[in-house]
Amino acid sequence: MTTQLARVLRKNMTDAESRLWYHLRDRQLGGWKFRRQHPVGPFIVDFICLEKKVVIELDGGQHGENEEVDARRTAYLNKMGYHVLRFWNHEVLQETDAIMDTIFDTLEDLPPHPGPLPPPGGEGVER
């Protein structure tokens, strides 16, 4: 189920997700590999760099109404050792260069992940 939902989400990206993916794909940012709509436990994250354990989440207007869900999601990801970056969709669309600089700086500042990565999927996917 998780894999199928991730595939559907990859095919139906928002404009902001498409813009960011254009800049992250094919190791264009510092040589780091990113995945999009990737399962992590019970969640599917927008973008992830497994090597650095960095998750990038893009939030639209609906996220202002779902702050509690976002907080639980971020707490879970932090507990699993991920560093979470959150950006509003309009920031990605209007300030792409600044967003890319922030992501790059974060990746540069974090040490590589020291051990094996956690399993990619999980039960009961929340989005």
C-alpha atoms as a PDB file:
ATOM      1  CA  MET A   1       0.000   0.000   0.000  1.00  0.00           C
ATOM      2  CA  THR A   2       2.758   2.448   0.948  1.00  0.00           C
ATOM      3  CA  THR A   3       4.637   1.907  -2.298  1.00  0.00           C
ATOM      4  CA  GLN A   4       1.492   2.316  -4.372  1.00  0.00           C
ATOM      5  CA  LEU A   5       0.553   5.567  -2.628  1.00  0.00           C
ATOM      6  CA  ALA A   6       4.093   6.901  -3.073  1.00  0.00           C
ATOM      7  CA  ARG A   7       3.862   6.168  -6.813  1.00  0.00           C
ATOM      8  CA  VAL A   8       0.549   8.018  -7.058  1.00  0.00           C
ATOM      9  CA  LEU A   9       2.001  11.009  -5.206  1.00  0.00           C
ATOM     10  CA  ARG A  10       5.064  11.071  -7.483  1.00  0.00           C
ATOM     11  CA  LYS A  11       2.779  11.250 -10.517  1.00  0.00           C
ATOM     12  CA  ASN A  12       0.684  14.067  -9.018  1.00  0.00           C
ATOM     13  CA  MET A  13       3.240  16.536  -7.727  1.00  0.00           C
ATOM     14  CA  THR A  14       2.308  20.117  -6.925  1.00  0.00           C
ATOM     15  CA  ASP A  15       3.944  22.977  -8.829  1.00  0.00           C
ATOM     16  CA  ALA A  16       6.248  23.608  -5.865  1.00  0.00           C
ATOM     17  CA  GLU A  17       7.237  19.935  -5.651  1.00  0.00           C
ATOM     18  CA  SER A  18       7.964  19.888  -9.390  1.00  0.00           C
ATOM     19  CA  ARG A  19      10.103  23.013  -9.127  1.00  0.00           C
ATOM     20  CA  LEU A  20      12.118  21.665  -6.203  1.00  0.00           C
ATOM     21  CA  TRP A  21      12.503  18.225  -7.797  1.00  0.00           C
ATOM     22  CA  TYR A  22      13.862  19.889 -10.941  1.00  0.00           C
ATOM     23  CA  HIS A  23      16.742  21.231  -8.814  1.00  0.00           C
ATOM     24  CA  LEU A  24      17.285  18.147  -6.620  1.00  0.00           C
ATOM     25  CA  ARG A  25      17.105  15.329  -9.162  1.00  0.00           C
ATOM     26  CA  ASP A  26      20.125  13.670 -10.771  1.00  0.00           C
ATOM     27  CA  ARG A  27      22.459  14.706  -7.908  1.00  0.00           C
ATOM     28  CA  GLN A  28      22.396  18.327  -9.097  1.00  0.00           C
ATOM     29  CA  LEU A  29      22.726  19.749  -5.587  1.00  0.00           C
ATOM     30  CA  GLY A  30      26.233  19.052  -4.293  1.00  0.00           C
ATOM     31  CA  GLY A  31      26.184  15.512  -5.655  1.00  0.00           C
ATOM     32  CA  TRP A  32      23.659  14.305  -3.053  1.00  0.00           C
ATOM     33  CA  LYS A  33      20.998  11.823  -4.105  1.00  0.00           C
ATOM     34  CA  PHE A  34      17.410  12.699  -3.307  1.00  0.00           C
ATOM     35  CA  ARG A  35      14.273  10.614  -3.528  1.00  0.00           C
ATOM     36  CA  ARG A  36      10.780  12.015  -3.775  1.00  0.00           C
ATOM     37  CA  GLN A  37       7.613  10.803  -2.085  1.00  0.00           C
ATOM     38  CA  HIS A  38       9.577   8.252  -0.070  1.00  0.00           C
ATOM     39  CA  PRO A  39       8.082   6.100   2.732  1.00  0.00           C
ATOM     40  CA  VAL A  40       9.588   6.556   6.206  1.00  0.00           C
ATOM     41  CA  GLY A  41       7.749   4.542   8.824  1.00  0.00           C
ATOM     42  CA  PRO A  42       4.063   5.468   8.735  1.00  0.00           C
ATOM     43  CA  PHE A  43       4.687   8.575   6.616  1.00  0.00           C
ATOM     44  CA  ILE A  44       5.562   9.450   3.038  1.00  0.00           C
ATOM     45  CA  VAL A  45       7.959  12.383   2.976  1.00  0.00           C
ATOM     46  CA  ASP A  46       8.137  14.822   0.080  1.00  0.00           C
ATOM     47  CA  PHE A  47      11.920  14.595  -0.450  1.00  0.00           C
ATOM     48  CA  ILE A  48      14.688  12.751   1.345  1.00  0.00           C
ATOM     49  CA  CYS A  49      18.462  12.507   1.206  1.00  0.00           C
ATOM     50  CA  LEU A  50      19.172   9.158   2.857  1.00  0.00           C
ATOM     51  CA  GLU A  51      22.942   9.751   2.935  1.00  0.00           C
ATOM     52  CA  LYS A  52      22.544  12.824   5.151  1.00  0.00           C
ATOM     53  CA  LYS A  53      19.202  11.859   6.751  1.00  0.00           C
ATOM     54  CA  VAL A  54      17.585  15.101   5.612  1.00  0.00           C
ATOM     55  CA  VAL A  55      13.862  15.310   4.896  1.00  0.00           C
ATOM     56  CA  ILE A  56      12.340  18.221   3.002  1.00  0.00           C
ATOM     57  CA  GLU A  57       8.635  18.862   3.437  1.00  0.00           C
ATOM     58  CA  LEU A  58       6.665  21.369   1.379  1.00  0.00           C
ATOM     59  CA  ASP A  59       3.564  22.827   2.946  1.00  0.00           C
ATOM     60  CA  GLY A  60       0.601  24.401   1.206  1.00  0.00           C
ATOM     61  CA  GLY A  61      -2.355  26.230   2.733  1.00  0.00           C
ATOM     62  CA  GLN A  62      -3.854  23.042   4.191  1.00  0.00           C
ATOM     63  CA  HIS A  63      -0.857  22.643   6.509  1.00  0.00           C
ATOM     64  CA  GLY A  64      -1.815  25.770   8.448  1.00  0.00           C
ATOM     65  CA  GLU A  65      -4.877  23.809   9.508  1.00  0.00           C
ATOM     66  CA  ASN A  66      -2.922  20.604  10.243  1.00  0.00           C
ATOM     67  CA  GLU A  67      -0.177  21.907  12.518  1.00  0.00           C
ATOM     68  CA  GLU A  68      -0.715  19.119  15.055  1.00  0.00           C
ATOM     69  CA  VAL A  69      -0.294  16.420  12.397  1.00  0.00           C
ATOM     70  CA  ASP A  70       2.817  18.154  11.045  1.00  0.00           C
ATOM     71  CA  ALA A  71       4.268  18.403  14.575  1.00  0.00           C
ATOM     72  CA  ARG A  72       3.702  14.659  15.160  1.00  0.00           C
ATOM     73  CA  ARG A  73       5.256  13.875  11.810  1.00  0.00           C
ATOM     74  CA  THR A  74       8.316  16.039  12.481  1.00  0.00           C
ATOM     75  CA  ALA A  75       8.715  14.593  15.999  1.00  0.00           C
ATOM     76  CA  TYR A  76       8.630  11.053  14.581  1.00  0.00           C
ATOM     77  CA  LEU A  77      11.170  11.878  11.878  1.00  0.00           C
ATOM     78  CA  ASN A  78      13.461  13.591  14.402  1.00  0.00           C
ATOM     79  CA  LYS A  79      13.202  10.551  16.673  1.00  0.00           C
ATOM     80  CA  MET A  80      14.288   8.392  13.716  1.00  0.00           C
ATOM     81  CA  GLY A  81      17.357  10.641  13.315  1.00  0.00           C
ATOM     82  CA  TYR A  82      16.178  12.779  10.405  1.00  0.00           C
ATOM     83  CA  HIS A  83      16.732  16.518  10.115  1.00  0.00           C
ATOM     84  CA  VAL A  84      13.501  18.047   8.772  1.00  0.00           C
ATOM     85  CA  LEU A  85      13.385  21.192   6.655  1.00  0.00           C
ATOM     86  CA  ARG A  86       9.927  22.699   6.023  1.00  0.00           C
ATOM     87  CA  PHE A  87       9.136  25.276   3.380  1.00  0.00           C
ATOM     88  CA  TRP A  88       5.897  26.828   2.212  1.00  0.00           C
ATOM     89  CA  ASN A  89       4.981  26.137  -1.404  1.00  0.00           C
ATOM     90  CA  HIS A  90       4.989  29.856  -2.233  1.00  0.00           C
ATOM     91  CA  GLU A  91       8.555  30.164  -0.884  1.00  0.00           C
ATOM     92  CA  VAL A  92       9.747  27.444  -3.247  1.00  0.00           C
ATOM     93  CA  LEU A  93       7.994  29.073  -6.190  1.00  0.00           C
ATOM     94  CA  GLN A  94       9.049  32.660  -5.429  1.00  0.00           C
ATOM     95  CA  GLU A  95      12.424  32.248  -3.698  1.00  0.00           C
ATOM     96  CA  THR A  96      13.861  29.113  -5.276  1.00  0.00           C
ATOM     97  CA  ASP A  97      17.511  30.199  -5.097  1.00  0.00           C
ATOM     98  CA  ALA A  98      17.269  31.026  -1.382  1.00  0.00           C
ATOM     99  CA  ILE A  99      15.574  27.686  -0.665  1.00  0.00           C
ATOM    100  CA  MET A 100      18.276  25.816  -2.581  1.00  0.00           C
ATOM    101  CA  ASP A 101      20.975  27.691  -0.638  1.00  0.00           C
ATOM    102  CA  THR A 102      19.324  26.722   2.664  1.00  0.00           C
ATOM    103  CA  ILE A 103      19.125  23.062   1.646  1.00  0.00           C
ATOM    104  CA  PHE A 104      22.728  23.060   0.419  1.00  0.00           C
ATOM    105  CA  ASP A 105      24.006  24.720   3.608  1.00  0.00           C
ATOM    106  CA  THR A 106      22.142  22.189   5.752  1.00  0.00           C
ATOM    107  CA  LEU A 107      23.575  19.260   3.809  1.00  0.00           C
ATOM    108  CA  GLU A 108      27.090  20.695   4.017  1.00  0.00           C
ATOM    109  CA  ASP A 109      26.839  21.241   7.787  1.00  0.00           C
ATOM    110  CA  LEU A 110      25.533  17.772   8.717  1.00  0.00           C
ATOM    111  CA  PRO A 111      27.923  14.843   9.115  1.00  0.00           C
ATOM    112  CA  PRO A 112      27.225  11.736   7.031  1.00  0.00           C
ATOM    113  CA  HIS A 113      24.901   9.214   8.610  1.00  0.00           C
ATOM    114  CA  PRO A 114      27.108   6.797  10.603  1.00  0.00           C
ATOM    115  CA  GLY A 115      25.184   3.546  10.361  1.00  0.00           C
ATOM    116  CA  PRO A 116      22.647   1.504   8.480  1.00  0.00           C
ATOM    117  CA  LEU A 117      19.489   3.259   7.433  1.00  0.00           C
ATOM    118  CA  PRO A 118      16.102   2.324   8.929  1.00  0.00           C
ATOM    119  CA  PRO A 119      13.715   0.272   6.803  1.00  0.00           C
ATOM    120  CA  PRO A 120      11.956   2.430   4.176  1.00  0.00           C
ATOM    121  CA  GLY A 121       8.326   1.487   4.716  1.00  0.00           C
ATOM    122  CA  GLY A 122       5.840   1.053   7.473  1.00  0.00           C
ATOM    123  CA  GLU A 123       2.252   0.286   8.312  1.00  0.00           C
ATOM    124  CA  GLY A 124      -0.568   2.809   8.158  1.00  0.00           C
ATOM    125  CA  VAL A 125       0.815   5.550   5.972  1.00  0.00           C
ATOM    126  CA  GLU A 126      -0.131   9.085   6.969  1.00  0.00           C
ATOM    127  CA  ARG A 127       0.208  11.883   4.459  1.00  0.00           C
END
